[in-house]
N, C-alpha and C. Protein backbone atom coordinates (compact mmCIF):
# COMPACT_ATOMS: atom_id res chain seq x y z
N UNK A 1 6.60 7.07 43.07
CA UNK A 1 7.63 6.57 42.13
C UNK A 1 7.52 5.06 42.03
N UNK A 2 7.48 4.56 40.78
CA UNK A 2 7.32 3.12 40.59
C UNK A 2 8.59 2.37 40.96
N UNK A 3 8.45 1.34 41.76
CA UNK A 3 9.58 0.46 42.06
C UNK A 3 10.03 -0.23 40.77
N UNK A 4 11.30 -0.04 40.41
CA UNK A 4 11.79 -0.56 39.14
C UNK A 4 12.28 -2.00 39.25
N UNK A 5 12.50 -2.47 40.48
CA UNK A 5 13.06 -3.80 40.64
C UNK A 5 11.96 -4.84 40.77
N UNK A 6 11.06 -4.87 39.79
CA UNK A 6 10.04 -5.92 39.73
C UNK A 6 10.26 -6.67 38.42
N UNK A 7 9.81 -7.92 38.38
CA UNK A 7 9.97 -8.71 37.16
C UNK A 7 9.29 -8.03 35.99
N UNK A 8 8.10 -7.46 36.25
CA UNK A 8 7.34 -6.83 35.17
C UNK A 8 8.09 -5.62 34.60
N UNK A 9 8.67 -4.79 35.49
CA UNK A 9 9.38 -3.60 35.03
C UNK A 9 10.69 -3.97 34.35
N UNK A 10 11.46 -4.88 34.96
CA UNK A 10 12.74 -5.28 34.36
C UNK A 10 12.51 -5.86 32.97
N UNK A 11 11.51 -6.73 32.86
CA UNK A 11 11.26 -7.37 31.57
C UNK A 11 10.75 -6.36 30.55
N UNK A 12 9.90 -5.42 30.97
CA UNK A 12 9.44 -4.42 30.00
C UNK A 12 10.60 -3.59 29.48
N UNK A 13 11.51 -3.20 30.33
CA UNK A 13 12.63 -2.38 29.89
C UNK A 13 13.52 -3.14 28.90
N UNK A 14 13.79 -4.42 29.17
CA UNK A 14 14.58 -5.23 28.22
C UNK A 14 13.81 -5.44 26.92
N UNK A 15 12.54 -5.74 27.05
CA UNK A 15 11.68 -5.98 25.90
C UNK A 15 11.59 -4.72 25.02
N UNK A 16 11.29 -3.57 25.63
CA UNK A 16 11.12 -2.33 24.86
C UNK A 16 12.43 -1.91 24.19
N UNK A 17 13.56 -2.14 24.87
CA UNK A 17 14.86 -1.81 24.26
C UNK A 17 15.10 -2.65 23.01
N UNK A 18 14.63 -3.89 23.02
CA UNK A 18 14.81 -4.78 21.86
C UNK A 18 13.82 -4.48 20.75
N UNK A 19 12.56 -4.26 21.10
CA UNK A 19 11.52 -4.05 20.09
C UNK A 19 11.63 -2.67 19.46
N UNK A 20 11.88 -1.65 20.28
CA UNK A 20 12.06 -0.31 19.75
C UNK A 20 10.82 0.30 19.13
N UNK A 21 9.64 -0.05 19.65
CA UNK A 21 8.40 0.50 19.09
C UNK A 21 8.20 1.94 19.56
N UNK A 22 7.39 2.68 18.78
CA UNK A 22 7.04 4.05 19.17
C UNK A 22 6.14 4.04 20.41
N UNK A 23 5.16 3.13 20.39
CA UNK A 23 4.16 3.08 21.46
C UNK A 23 3.77 1.62 21.71
N UNK A 24 3.14 1.39 22.86
CA UNK A 24 2.72 0.04 23.23
C UNK A 24 1.29 0.10 23.76
N UNK A 25 0.40 -0.64 23.11
CA UNK A 25 -0.97 -0.77 23.60
C UNK A 25 -0.99 -1.85 24.69
N UNK A 26 -1.78 -1.62 25.73
CA UNK A 26 -1.92 -2.60 26.81
C UNK A 26 -3.36 -3.11 26.80
N UNK A 27 -3.52 -4.41 26.57
CA UNK A 27 -4.83 -5.05 26.55
C UNK A 27 -4.95 -5.97 27.75
N UNK A 28 -6.08 -5.92 28.42
CA UNK A 28 -6.34 -6.76 29.59
C UNK A 28 -7.50 -7.69 29.28
N UNK A 29 -7.30 -8.98 29.49
CA UNK A 29 -8.34 -9.98 29.21
C UNK A 29 -8.53 -10.85 30.44
N UNK A 30 -9.76 -10.89 30.92
CA UNK A 30 -10.08 -11.76 32.06
C UNK A 30 -10.84 -12.96 31.53
N UNK A 31 -10.37 -14.14 31.89
CA UNK A 31 -10.96 -15.39 31.40
C UNK A 31 -11.54 -16.17 32.58
N UNK A 32 -12.71 -16.76 32.36
CA UNK A 32 -13.24 -17.63 33.40
C UNK A 32 -13.15 -19.08 32.98
N UNK A 33 -13.44 -19.98 33.89
CA UNK A 33 -13.27 -21.41 33.62
C UNK A 33 -14.16 -21.90 32.49
N UNK A 34 -15.25 -21.20 32.22
CA UNK A 34 -16.15 -21.60 31.14
C UNK A 34 -15.72 -21.12 29.77
N UNK A 35 -14.62 -20.35 29.70
CA UNK A 35 -14.12 -19.88 28.41
C UNK A 35 -14.56 -18.48 28.04
N UNK A 36 -15.41 -17.86 28.85
CA UNK A 36 -15.84 -16.49 28.56
C UNK A 36 -14.70 -15.51 28.82
N UNK A 37 -14.66 -14.43 28.01
CA UNK A 37 -13.61 -13.42 28.14
C UNK A 37 -14.21 -12.03 28.27
N UNK A 38 -13.56 -11.21 29.08
CA UNK A 38 -13.88 -9.79 29.15
C UNK A 38 -12.60 -9.03 28.83
N UNK A 39 -12.68 -8.15 27.83
CA UNK A 39 -11.49 -7.48 27.32
C UNK A 39 -11.64 -5.97 27.42
N UNK A 40 -10.56 -5.30 27.82
CA UNK A 40 -10.53 -3.85 27.68
C UNK A 40 -9.10 -3.40 27.40
N UNK A 41 -8.99 -2.25 26.72
CA UNK A 41 -7.71 -1.65 26.37
C UNK A 41 -7.48 -0.47 27.30
N UNK A 42 -6.32 -0.44 27.93
CA UNK A 42 -6.10 0.46 29.06
C UNK A 42 -6.23 1.94 28.68
N UNK A 43 -5.76 2.33 27.49
CA UNK A 43 -5.80 3.76 27.15
C UNK A 43 -6.99 4.13 26.26
N UNK A 44 -7.89 3.18 26.00
CA UNK A 44 -8.98 3.44 25.06
C UNK A 44 -9.93 4.49 25.62
N UNK A 45 -10.21 5.50 24.81
CA UNK A 45 -11.09 6.59 25.22
C UNK A 45 -11.88 7.06 24.01
N UNK A 46 -13.18 7.12 24.15
CA UNK A 46 -14.06 7.53 23.05
C UNK A 46 -13.83 6.68 21.80
N UNK A 47 -13.58 5.38 22.02
CA UNK A 47 -13.41 4.44 20.91
C UNK A 47 -12.05 4.45 20.26
N UNK A 48 -11.11 5.27 20.75
CA UNK A 48 -9.78 5.37 20.12
C UNK A 48 -8.69 4.94 21.10
N UNK A 49 -7.63 4.37 20.55
CA UNK A 49 -6.46 3.98 21.35
C UNK A 49 -5.19 4.28 20.57
N UNK A 50 -4.22 4.90 21.25
CA UNK A 50 -2.93 5.20 20.63
C UNK A 50 -1.81 4.40 21.27
N UNK A 51 -2.07 3.80 22.43
CA UNK A 51 -1.02 3.13 23.16
C UNK A 51 -0.22 4.13 23.99
N UNK A 52 0.82 3.62 24.68
CA UNK A 52 1.66 4.43 25.56
C UNK A 52 3.08 4.48 25.01
N UNK A 53 3.75 5.59 25.18
CA UNK A 53 5.19 5.61 24.97
C UNK A 53 5.83 4.75 26.05
N UNK A 54 7.09 4.32 25.88
CA UNK A 54 7.73 3.54 26.94
C UNK A 54 7.72 4.24 28.30
N UNK A 55 7.97 5.55 28.31
CA UNK A 55 7.96 6.28 29.58
C UNK A 55 6.56 6.31 30.19
N UNK A 56 5.55 6.51 29.35
CA UNK A 56 4.17 6.54 29.86
C UNK A 56 3.77 5.19 30.43
N UNK A 57 4.18 4.12 29.75
CA UNK A 57 3.83 2.79 30.25
C UNK A 57 4.51 2.51 31.58
N UNK A 58 5.76 2.97 31.70
CA UNK A 58 6.49 2.79 32.96
C UNK A 58 5.73 3.44 34.12
N UNK A 59 5.18 4.62 33.87
CA UNK A 59 4.43 5.33 34.91
C UNK A 59 3.17 4.55 35.29
N UNK A 60 2.59 3.84 34.32
CA UNK A 60 1.35 3.10 34.57
C UNK A 60 1.59 1.67 35.07
N UNK A 61 2.86 1.27 35.23
CA UNK A 61 3.15 -0.13 35.52
C UNK A 61 2.53 -0.60 36.83
N UNK A 62 2.51 0.23 37.86
CA UNK A 62 1.91 -0.19 39.12
C UNK A 62 0.43 -0.54 38.91
N UNK A 63 -0.26 0.29 38.11
CA UNK A 63 -1.67 0.03 37.81
C UNK A 63 -1.84 -1.27 37.04
N UNK A 64 -0.95 -1.53 36.08
CA UNK A 64 -1.03 -2.75 35.28
C UNK A 64 -0.81 -3.98 36.16
N UNK A 65 0.13 -3.89 37.08
CA UNK A 65 0.37 -5.00 38.01
C UNK A 65 -0.87 -5.26 38.87
N UNK A 66 -1.53 -4.20 39.31
CA UNK A 66 -2.76 -4.38 40.10
C UNK A 66 -3.85 -5.07 39.28
N UNK A 67 -3.92 -4.74 37.99
CA UNK A 67 -4.91 -5.38 37.13
C UNK A 67 -4.66 -6.88 37.04
N UNK A 68 -3.39 -7.27 36.93
CA UNK A 68 -3.09 -8.70 36.92
C UNK A 68 -3.47 -9.34 38.25
N UNK A 69 -3.20 -8.66 39.34
CA UNK A 69 -3.49 -9.22 40.66
C UNK A 69 -4.98 -9.46 40.87
N UNK A 70 -5.82 -8.72 40.13
CA UNK A 70 -7.26 -8.95 40.25
C UNK A 70 -7.75 -10.00 39.24
N UNK A 71 -6.81 -10.58 38.47
CA UNK A 71 -7.17 -11.70 37.61
C UNK A 71 -7.06 -11.48 36.12
N UNK A 72 -6.53 -10.31 35.70
CA UNK A 72 -6.42 -10.01 34.28
C UNK A 72 -5.19 -10.68 33.66
N UNK A 73 -5.31 -11.08 32.38
CA UNK A 73 -4.16 -11.43 31.55
C UNK A 73 -3.70 -10.15 30.86
N UNK A 74 -2.39 -9.90 30.86
CA UNK A 74 -1.85 -8.66 30.32
C UNK A 74 -1.15 -8.94 28.99
N UNK A 75 -1.48 -8.10 27.98
CA UNK A 75 -0.91 -8.23 26.64
C UNK A 75 -0.34 -6.88 26.20
N UNK A 76 0.77 -6.93 25.46
CA UNK A 76 1.32 -5.74 24.81
C UNK A 76 1.11 -5.87 23.29
N UNK A 77 0.89 -4.72 22.64
CA UNK A 77 0.90 -4.64 21.18
C UNK A 77 1.84 -3.51 20.79
N UNK A 78 3.00 -3.80 20.19
CA UNK A 78 3.91 -2.73 19.77
C UNK A 78 3.39 -2.04 18.50
N UNK A 79 3.50 -0.71 18.48
CA UNK A 79 2.98 0.10 17.38
C UNK A 79 4.07 1.08 16.92
N UNK A 80 4.34 1.11 15.61
CA UNK A 80 5.37 2.00 15.08
C UNK A 80 4.98 2.53 13.71
N UNK A 81 5.38 3.75 13.42
CA UNK A 81 5.14 4.35 12.12
C UNK A 81 6.06 3.77 11.05
N UNK A 82 7.29 3.47 11.41
CA UNK A 82 8.30 3.10 10.42
C UNK A 82 8.64 1.61 10.38
N UNK A 83 8.06 0.83 11.28
CA UNK A 83 8.43 -0.59 11.39
C UNK A 83 7.20 -1.47 11.55
N UNK A 84 7.29 -2.68 10.99
CA UNK A 84 6.36 -3.75 11.33
C UNK A 84 6.95 -4.51 12.52
N UNK A 85 6.09 -4.94 13.43
CA UNK A 85 6.48 -5.84 14.52
C UNK A 85 5.69 -7.13 14.31
N UNK A 86 6.32 -8.07 13.63
CA UNK A 86 5.64 -9.29 13.17
C UNK A 86 5.62 -10.32 14.30
N UNK A 87 4.42 -10.69 14.74
CA UNK A 87 4.26 -11.70 15.77
C UNK A 87 4.09 -13.07 15.15
N UNK A 88 4.89 -14.02 15.61
CA UNK A 88 4.67 -15.44 15.30
C UNK A 88 4.25 -16.10 16.61
N UNK A 89 3.05 -16.62 16.63
CA UNK A 89 2.41 -17.06 17.87
C UNK A 89 2.32 -18.58 17.92
N UNK A 90 2.15 -19.08 19.13
CA UNK A 90 1.83 -20.49 19.35
C UNK A 90 2.87 -21.41 18.71
N UNK A 91 4.14 -21.12 18.96
CA UNK A 91 5.24 -21.92 18.41
C UNK A 91 5.64 -23.02 19.37
N UNK A 92 6.13 -24.11 18.81
CA UNK A 92 6.76 -25.16 19.60
C UNK A 92 8.26 -24.91 19.62
N UNK A 93 8.98 -25.63 20.48
CA UNK A 93 10.44 -25.51 20.50
C UNK A 93 11.00 -25.89 19.12
N UNK A 94 10.39 -26.89 18.49
CA UNK A 94 10.87 -27.34 17.17
C UNK A 94 10.65 -26.28 16.11
N UNK A 95 9.47 -25.67 16.09
CA UNK A 95 9.21 -24.68 15.04
C UNK A 95 10.01 -23.39 15.28
N UNK A 96 10.27 -23.06 16.54
CA UNK A 96 11.12 -21.90 16.85
C UNK A 96 12.54 -22.14 16.36
N UNK A 97 13.05 -23.33 16.59
CA UNK A 97 14.40 -23.66 16.11
C UNK A 97 14.44 -23.64 14.58
N UNK A 98 13.40 -24.16 13.96
CA UNK A 98 13.36 -24.20 12.49
C UNK A 98 13.31 -22.79 11.90
N UNK A 99 12.52 -21.91 12.53
CA UNK A 99 12.46 -20.51 12.09
C UNK A 99 13.85 -19.89 12.05
N UNK A 100 14.61 -20.12 13.12
CA UNK A 100 15.94 -19.50 13.20
C UNK A 100 16.93 -20.18 12.24
N UNK A 101 16.83 -21.48 12.09
CA UNK A 101 17.70 -22.17 11.12
C UNK A 101 17.40 -21.73 9.70
N UNK A 102 16.15 -21.32 9.44
CA UNK A 102 15.78 -20.83 8.11
C UNK A 102 16.22 -19.39 7.87
N UNK A 103 16.86 -18.77 8.86
CA UNK A 103 17.46 -17.46 8.65
C UNK A 103 16.69 -16.28 9.20
N UNK A 104 15.61 -16.51 9.91
CA UNK A 104 14.84 -15.41 10.49
C UNK A 104 15.41 -15.06 11.86
N UNK A 105 15.47 -13.76 12.16
CA UNK A 105 16.13 -13.27 13.36
C UNK A 105 15.13 -12.56 14.28
N UNK A 106 14.60 -13.24 15.26
CA UNK A 106 13.68 -12.57 16.18
C UNK A 106 14.39 -11.51 17.03
N UNK A 107 13.69 -10.42 17.30
CA UNK A 107 14.18 -9.44 18.26
C UNK A 107 13.83 -9.87 19.68
N UNK A 108 12.72 -10.57 19.83
CA UNK A 108 12.23 -11.02 21.14
C UNK A 108 11.69 -12.43 21.02
N UNK A 109 12.01 -13.26 22.00
CA UNK A 109 11.42 -14.60 22.12
C UNK A 109 10.84 -14.73 23.52
N UNK A 110 9.58 -15.14 23.59
CA UNK A 110 8.87 -15.33 24.86
C UNK A 110 8.46 -16.78 25.01
N UNK A 111 8.50 -17.29 26.22
CA UNK A 111 7.86 -18.57 26.54
C UNK A 111 6.57 -18.22 27.28
N UNK A 112 5.45 -18.36 26.58
CA UNK A 112 4.17 -17.91 27.13
C UNK A 112 3.57 -18.91 28.11
N UNK A 113 3.92 -20.17 27.94
CA UNK A 113 3.60 -21.24 28.90
C UNK A 113 4.59 -22.36 28.61
N UNK A 114 4.59 -23.38 29.41
CA UNK A 114 5.59 -24.43 29.27
C UNK A 114 5.56 -25.04 27.86
N UNK A 115 6.68 -24.89 27.12
CA UNK A 115 6.78 -25.48 25.79
C UNK A 115 6.05 -24.72 24.70
N UNK A 116 5.54 -23.53 25.00
CA UNK A 116 4.81 -22.73 24.01
C UNK A 116 5.48 -21.36 23.90
N UNK A 117 5.76 -20.93 22.67
CA UNK A 117 6.60 -19.75 22.46
C UNK A 117 5.93 -18.75 21.52
N UNK A 118 6.34 -17.49 21.68
CA UNK A 118 5.97 -16.41 20.79
C UNK A 118 7.25 -15.66 20.45
N UNK A 119 7.33 -15.10 19.24
CA UNK A 119 8.47 -14.25 18.92
C UNK A 119 8.04 -13.07 18.07
N UNK A 120 8.86 -12.02 18.09
CA UNK A 120 8.62 -10.81 17.32
C UNK A 120 9.80 -10.56 16.39
N UNK A 121 9.49 -10.27 15.12
CA UNK A 121 10.49 -9.87 14.14
C UNK A 121 10.29 -8.39 13.83
N UNK A 122 11.38 -7.64 13.75
CA UNK A 122 11.32 -6.23 13.37
C UNK A 122 11.65 -6.10 11.89
N UNK A 123 10.73 -5.48 11.14
CA UNK A 123 10.89 -5.33 9.69
C UNK A 123 10.58 -3.88 9.30
N UNK A 124 11.55 -3.13 8.78
CA UNK A 124 11.27 -1.76 8.37
C UNK A 124 10.18 -1.72 7.29
N UNK A 125 9.29 -0.74 7.39
CA UNK A 125 8.27 -0.56 6.37
C UNK A 125 8.89 0.02 5.11
N UNK A 126 8.33 -0.33 3.96
CA UNK A 126 8.86 0.10 2.67
C UNK A 126 8.29 1.44 2.23
N UNK A 127 7.24 1.90 2.88
CA UNK A 127 6.61 3.18 2.59
C UNK A 127 6.15 3.28 1.15
N UNK A 128 5.60 2.20 0.63
CA UNK A 128 5.19 2.15 -0.77
C UNK A 128 3.70 2.38 -0.97
N UNK A 129 2.95 2.42 0.08
CA UNK A 129 1.50 2.50 -0.04
C UNK A 129 0.82 1.17 0.22
N UNK A 130 1.60 0.09 0.27
CA UNK A 130 1.04 -1.25 0.51
C UNK A 130 1.45 -1.79 1.88
N UNK A 131 1.93 -0.93 2.75
CA UNK A 131 2.52 -1.39 4.02
C UNK A 131 1.58 -2.28 4.82
N UNK A 132 0.34 -1.87 4.95
CA UNK A 132 -0.59 -2.65 5.77
C UNK A 132 -0.76 -4.05 5.21
N UNK A 133 -0.98 -4.15 3.90
CA UNK A 133 -1.16 -5.46 3.27
C UNK A 133 0.11 -6.29 3.36
N UNK A 134 1.27 -5.67 3.16
CA UNK A 134 2.54 -6.39 3.23
C UNK A 134 2.73 -6.97 4.63
N UNK A 135 2.50 -6.15 5.67
CA UNK A 135 2.65 -6.65 7.04
C UNK A 135 1.72 -7.80 7.34
N UNK A 136 0.48 -7.70 6.87
CA UNK A 136 -0.48 -8.78 7.10
C UNK A 136 -0.07 -10.06 6.40
N UNK A 137 0.44 -9.94 5.16
CA UNK A 137 0.82 -11.13 4.41
C UNK A 137 2.06 -11.80 5.01
N UNK A 138 3.03 -11.01 5.47
CA UNK A 138 4.20 -11.60 6.14
C UNK A 138 3.74 -12.38 7.37
N UNK A 139 2.90 -11.75 8.17
CA UNK A 139 2.39 -12.39 9.38
C UNK A 139 1.67 -13.70 9.05
N UNK A 140 0.83 -13.63 8.03
CA UNK A 140 0.07 -14.82 7.62
C UNK A 140 1.01 -15.94 7.17
N UNK A 141 1.97 -15.61 6.31
CA UNK A 141 2.87 -16.63 5.75
C UNK A 141 3.74 -17.26 6.83
N UNK A 142 4.33 -16.44 7.70
CA UNK A 142 5.24 -16.99 8.70
C UNK A 142 4.50 -17.79 9.76
N UNK A 143 3.29 -17.36 10.11
CA UNK A 143 2.52 -18.16 11.07
C UNK A 143 2.04 -19.46 10.46
N UNK A 144 1.75 -19.45 9.16
CA UNK A 144 1.36 -20.70 8.52
C UNK A 144 2.50 -21.71 8.55
N UNK A 145 3.74 -21.21 8.42
CA UNK A 145 4.90 -22.10 8.40
C UNK A 145 5.37 -22.51 9.79
N UNK A 146 5.27 -21.59 10.75
CA UNK A 146 5.94 -21.83 12.03
C UNK A 146 5.04 -21.72 13.26
N UNK A 147 3.85 -21.11 13.13
CA UNK A 147 3.08 -20.80 14.33
C UNK A 147 1.60 -21.06 14.23
N UNK A 148 0.84 -20.01 14.53
CA UNK A 148 -0.62 -20.09 14.58
C UNK A 148 -1.19 -19.88 13.18
N UNK A 149 -1.70 -20.94 12.58
CA UNK A 149 -2.17 -20.88 11.19
C UNK A 149 -3.38 -19.97 11.02
N UNK A 150 -4.01 -19.56 12.10
CA UNK A 150 -5.18 -18.67 12.00
C UNK A 150 -4.80 -17.19 12.10
N UNK A 151 -3.54 -16.90 12.45
CA UNK A 151 -3.15 -15.52 12.68
C UNK A 151 -2.75 -14.86 11.36
N UNK A 152 -3.38 -13.72 11.05
CA UNK A 152 -3.09 -13.06 9.77
C UNK A 152 -2.93 -11.55 9.90
N UNK A 153 -3.21 -10.97 11.07
CA UNK A 153 -3.12 -9.52 11.23
C UNK A 153 -1.78 -9.11 11.81
N UNK A 154 -1.15 -8.11 11.17
CA UNK A 154 0.18 -7.69 11.59
C UNK A 154 0.16 -7.02 12.97
N UNK A 155 -0.84 -6.19 13.23
CA UNK A 155 -0.92 -5.51 14.53
C UNK A 155 -1.72 -6.41 15.46
N UNK A 156 -0.98 -7.09 16.35
CA UNK A 156 -1.62 -8.16 17.13
C UNK A 156 -1.01 -8.21 18.53
N UNK A 157 -1.83 -8.37 19.57
CA UNK A 157 -1.29 -8.43 20.93
C UNK A 157 -0.57 -9.74 21.21
N UNK A 158 0.37 -9.69 22.13
CA UNK A 158 1.03 -10.90 22.63
C UNK A 158 1.18 -10.77 24.13
N UNK A 159 1.43 -11.86 24.78
CA UNK A 159 1.52 -11.86 26.25
C UNK A 159 2.69 -11.00 26.72
N UNK A 160 2.44 -10.27 27.80
CA UNK A 160 3.46 -9.36 28.33
C UNK A 160 4.45 -10.12 29.19
N UNK A 161 5.75 -9.99 28.91
CA UNK A 161 6.76 -10.69 29.71
C UNK A 161 6.77 -10.21 31.15
N UNK A 162 7.02 -11.14 32.06
CA UNK A 162 7.07 -10.84 33.47
C UNK A 162 5.73 -11.01 34.18
N UNK A 163 4.64 -11.05 33.40
CA UNK A 163 3.31 -11.23 33.97
C UNK A 163 2.92 -12.71 33.90
N UNK A 164 1.86 -13.06 34.59
CA UNK A 164 1.42 -14.46 34.61
C UNK A 164 0.51 -14.76 33.42
N UNK A 165 0.60 -16.00 32.95
CA UNK A 165 -0.37 -16.52 31.98
C UNK A 165 -1.51 -17.13 32.79
N UNK A 166 -2.60 -16.36 32.90
CA UNK A 166 -3.68 -16.74 33.80
C UNK A 166 -4.82 -17.48 33.08
N UNK A 167 -4.49 -18.17 32.00
CA UNK A 167 -5.50 -19.05 31.41
C UNK A 167 -5.89 -20.11 32.44
N UNK A 168 -7.18 -20.38 32.60
CA UNK A 168 -7.60 -21.36 33.61
C UNK A 168 -6.90 -22.71 33.47
N UNK A 169 -6.59 -23.13 32.25
CA UNK A 169 -5.98 -24.46 32.06
C UNK A 169 -4.55 -24.51 32.60
N UNK A 170 -3.92 -23.35 32.81
CA UNK A 170 -2.55 -23.33 33.31
C UNK A 170 -2.46 -23.18 34.83
N UNK A 171 -3.61 -23.13 35.49
CA UNK A 171 -3.59 -22.95 36.94
C UNK A 171 -2.97 -24.17 37.61
N UNK A 172 -2.01 -23.94 38.50
CA UNK A 172 -1.33 -25.02 39.19
C UNK A 172 -2.12 -25.46 40.42
N UNK A 173 -1.71 -26.57 40.98
CA UNK A 173 -2.40 -27.10 42.17
C UNK A 173 -2.35 -26.13 43.33
N UNK A 174 -1.27 -25.32 43.40
CA UNK A 174 -1.14 -24.36 44.51
C UNK A 174 -1.91 -23.08 44.23
N UNK A 175 -2.63 -23.01 43.09
CA UNK A 175 -3.42 -21.83 42.75
C UNK A 175 -2.66 -20.79 41.95
N UNK A 176 -1.36 -21.00 41.75
CA UNK A 176 -0.55 -20.05 40.99
C UNK A 176 -0.61 -20.32 39.49
N UNK A 177 0.07 -19.45 38.73
CA UNK A 177 0.10 -19.56 37.28
C UNK A 177 1.54 -19.37 36.78
N UNK A 178 1.87 -19.92 35.60
CA UNK A 178 3.23 -19.72 35.07
C UNK A 178 3.46 -18.28 34.65
N UNK A 179 4.70 -17.84 34.82
CA UNK A 179 5.08 -16.50 34.39
C UNK A 179 5.51 -16.53 32.92
N UNK A 180 5.16 -15.50 32.18
CA UNK A 180 5.61 -15.37 30.80
C UNK A 180 7.08 -14.97 30.82
N UNK A 181 7.94 -15.82 30.27
CA UNK A 181 9.39 -15.63 30.38
C UNK A 181 9.96 -14.96 29.14
N UNK A 182 10.78 -13.95 29.36
CA UNK A 182 11.50 -13.28 28.28
C UNK A 182 12.82 -14.03 28.07
N UNK A 183 12.85 -14.88 27.05
CA UNK A 183 14.02 -15.74 26.84
C UNK A 183 15.13 -15.05 26.07
N UNK A 184 14.75 -14.10 25.21
CA UNK A 184 15.75 -13.45 24.35
C UNK A 184 15.27 -12.05 24.00
N UNK A 185 16.18 -11.09 24.01
CA UNK A 185 15.83 -9.71 23.64
C UNK A 185 17.07 -9.03 23.06
N UNK A 186 17.00 -8.67 21.79
CA UNK A 186 18.10 -7.97 21.13
C UNK A 186 17.52 -7.05 20.06
N UNK A 187 17.95 -5.82 20.04
CA UNK A 187 17.44 -4.87 19.06
C UNK A 187 18.09 -5.16 17.70
N UNK A 188 17.33 -5.73 16.81
CA UNK A 188 17.85 -6.05 15.47
C UNK A 188 16.69 -6.20 14.50
N UNK A 189 17.00 -5.94 13.22
CA UNK A 189 16.02 -6.12 12.16
C UNK A 189 16.25 -7.46 11.47
N UNK A 190 15.20 -8.00 10.91
CA UNK A 190 15.28 -9.32 10.27
C UNK A 190 15.40 -9.14 8.76
N UNK A 191 16.60 -9.35 8.24
CA UNK A 191 16.85 -9.17 6.81
C UNK A 191 16.06 -10.11 5.93
N UNK A 192 15.88 -11.35 6.39
CA UNK A 192 15.14 -12.31 5.56
C UNK A 192 13.67 -11.92 5.47
N UNK A 193 13.09 -11.45 6.57
CA UNK A 193 11.70 -10.98 6.52
C UNK A 193 11.59 -9.71 5.69
N UNK A 194 12.64 -8.88 5.69
CA UNK A 194 12.65 -7.68 4.87
C UNK A 194 12.61 -8.04 3.38
N UNK A 195 13.37 -9.06 2.99
CA UNK A 195 13.35 -9.50 1.59
C UNK A 195 11.98 -10.07 1.24
N UNK A 196 11.37 -10.78 2.15
CA UNK A 196 10.01 -11.29 1.93
C UNK A 196 9.04 -10.12 1.74
N UNK A 197 9.23 -9.06 2.52
CA UNK A 197 8.39 -7.86 2.38
C UNK A 197 8.54 -7.25 0.99
N UNK A 198 9.77 -7.19 0.50
CA UNK A 198 9.99 -6.63 -0.85
C UNK A 198 9.31 -7.47 -1.92
N UNK A 199 9.39 -8.78 -1.78
CA UNK A 199 8.74 -9.66 -2.76
C UNK A 199 7.22 -9.46 -2.77
N UNK A 200 6.64 -9.39 -1.58
CA UNK A 200 5.18 -9.20 -1.48
C UNK A 200 4.80 -7.83 -2.02
N UNK A 201 5.59 -6.81 -1.68
CA UNK A 201 5.32 -5.44 -2.15
C UNK A 201 5.33 -5.38 -3.67
N UNK A 202 6.31 -6.07 -4.30
CA UNK A 202 6.38 -6.07 -5.77
C UNK A 202 5.13 -6.69 -6.38
N UNK A 203 4.62 -7.74 -5.76
CA UNK A 203 3.39 -8.37 -6.28
C UNK A 203 2.22 -7.41 -6.22
N UNK A 204 2.10 -6.68 -5.11
CA UNK A 204 1.02 -5.69 -5.00
C UNK A 204 1.20 -4.57 -6.02
N UNK A 205 2.46 -4.12 -6.20
CA UNK A 205 2.72 -3.05 -7.17
C UNK A 205 2.41 -3.51 -8.60
N UNK A 206 2.80 -4.75 -8.93
CA UNK A 206 2.52 -5.28 -10.27
C UNK A 206 1.01 -5.41 -10.50
N UNK A 207 0.31 -5.87 -9.49
CA UNK A 207 -1.14 -6.01 -9.61
C UNK A 207 -1.81 -4.65 -9.79
N UNK A 208 -1.33 -3.65 -9.06
CA UNK A 208 -1.90 -2.30 -9.19
C UNK A 208 -1.62 -1.72 -10.58
N UNK A 209 -0.42 -1.97 -11.10
CA UNK A 209 -0.05 -1.49 -12.42
C UNK A 209 -0.91 -2.15 -13.49
N UNK A 210 -1.09 -3.47 -13.36
CA UNK A 210 -1.92 -4.19 -14.33
C UNK A 210 -3.36 -3.68 -14.31
N UNK A 211 -3.84 -3.36 -13.11
CA UNK A 211 -5.19 -2.84 -12.98
C UNK A 211 -5.31 -1.48 -13.69
N UNK A 212 -4.30 -0.64 -13.54
CA UNK A 212 -4.33 0.68 -14.17
C UNK A 212 -4.28 0.59 -15.69
N UNK A 213 -3.53 -0.42 -16.20
CA UNK A 213 -3.32 -0.53 -17.64
C UNK A 213 -4.39 -1.37 -18.33
N UNK A 214 -5.28 -1.95 -17.57
CA UNK A 214 -6.33 -2.79 -18.15
C UNK A 214 -7.28 -1.91 -18.97
N UNK A 215 -7.56 -2.29 -20.21
CA UNK A 215 -8.46 -1.49 -21.02
C UNK A 215 -9.85 -1.42 -20.42
N UNK A 216 -10.43 -0.25 -20.44
CA UNK A 216 -11.77 -0.09 -19.91
C UNK A 216 -12.80 -0.40 -21.00
N UNK A 217 -13.87 -1.04 -20.54
CA UNK A 217 -14.94 -1.37 -21.50
C UNK A 217 -15.59 -0.07 -21.96
N UNK A 218 -15.86 0.02 -23.27
CA UNK A 218 -16.50 1.19 -23.83
C UNK A 218 -17.97 0.89 -24.02
N UNK A 219 -18.82 1.70 -23.40
CA UNK A 219 -20.26 1.45 -23.52
C UNK A 219 -20.76 1.97 -24.86
N UNK A 220 -21.71 1.26 -25.44
CA UNK A 220 -22.24 1.64 -26.77
C UNK A 220 -23.35 2.66 -26.63
């Protein structure tokens, strides 16, 4: 039976209650001082990965903790059929404050290292046929404004709360590493991001309609 009174377990339970994803992919990345990375996905089998339900991940938590102890960086990727989980990465305290003042409501806020933040927004999918593109465009736009300008994919891993950020540059003099802190967790949807999703979806729908109505060239 997994001991539940660990930082990793407590934080996962708070995090999962706020995010409300169907499943969670666990990615492990080992980094060396030269910048090389070795990556594997915990449930990947025959080239496929579905992630774990919250209960399944809880059962595997002892194993995940052992992976960190051998030097792995641990990441979660929330996966849902009915919701986007929009990651805004590499935020400063200023850009995080600006995001919230602009009306966006994160479900989760993480401090991944000192003064560096990540947050997740929950946005219901519109089920229009453009969901993947809409999620990618929201992610791209919000990261351009507030976070990592290179991030454009909606389904994206982020650091797991309660685990250490084991990037070599964060190693302390005593050999330890900073813990990824779960600063905020509340189960809520972001209405402003939902309206942005509707705007983007309409643009895709209008473009598809124009494409259908475009006269076809008649060959002679």
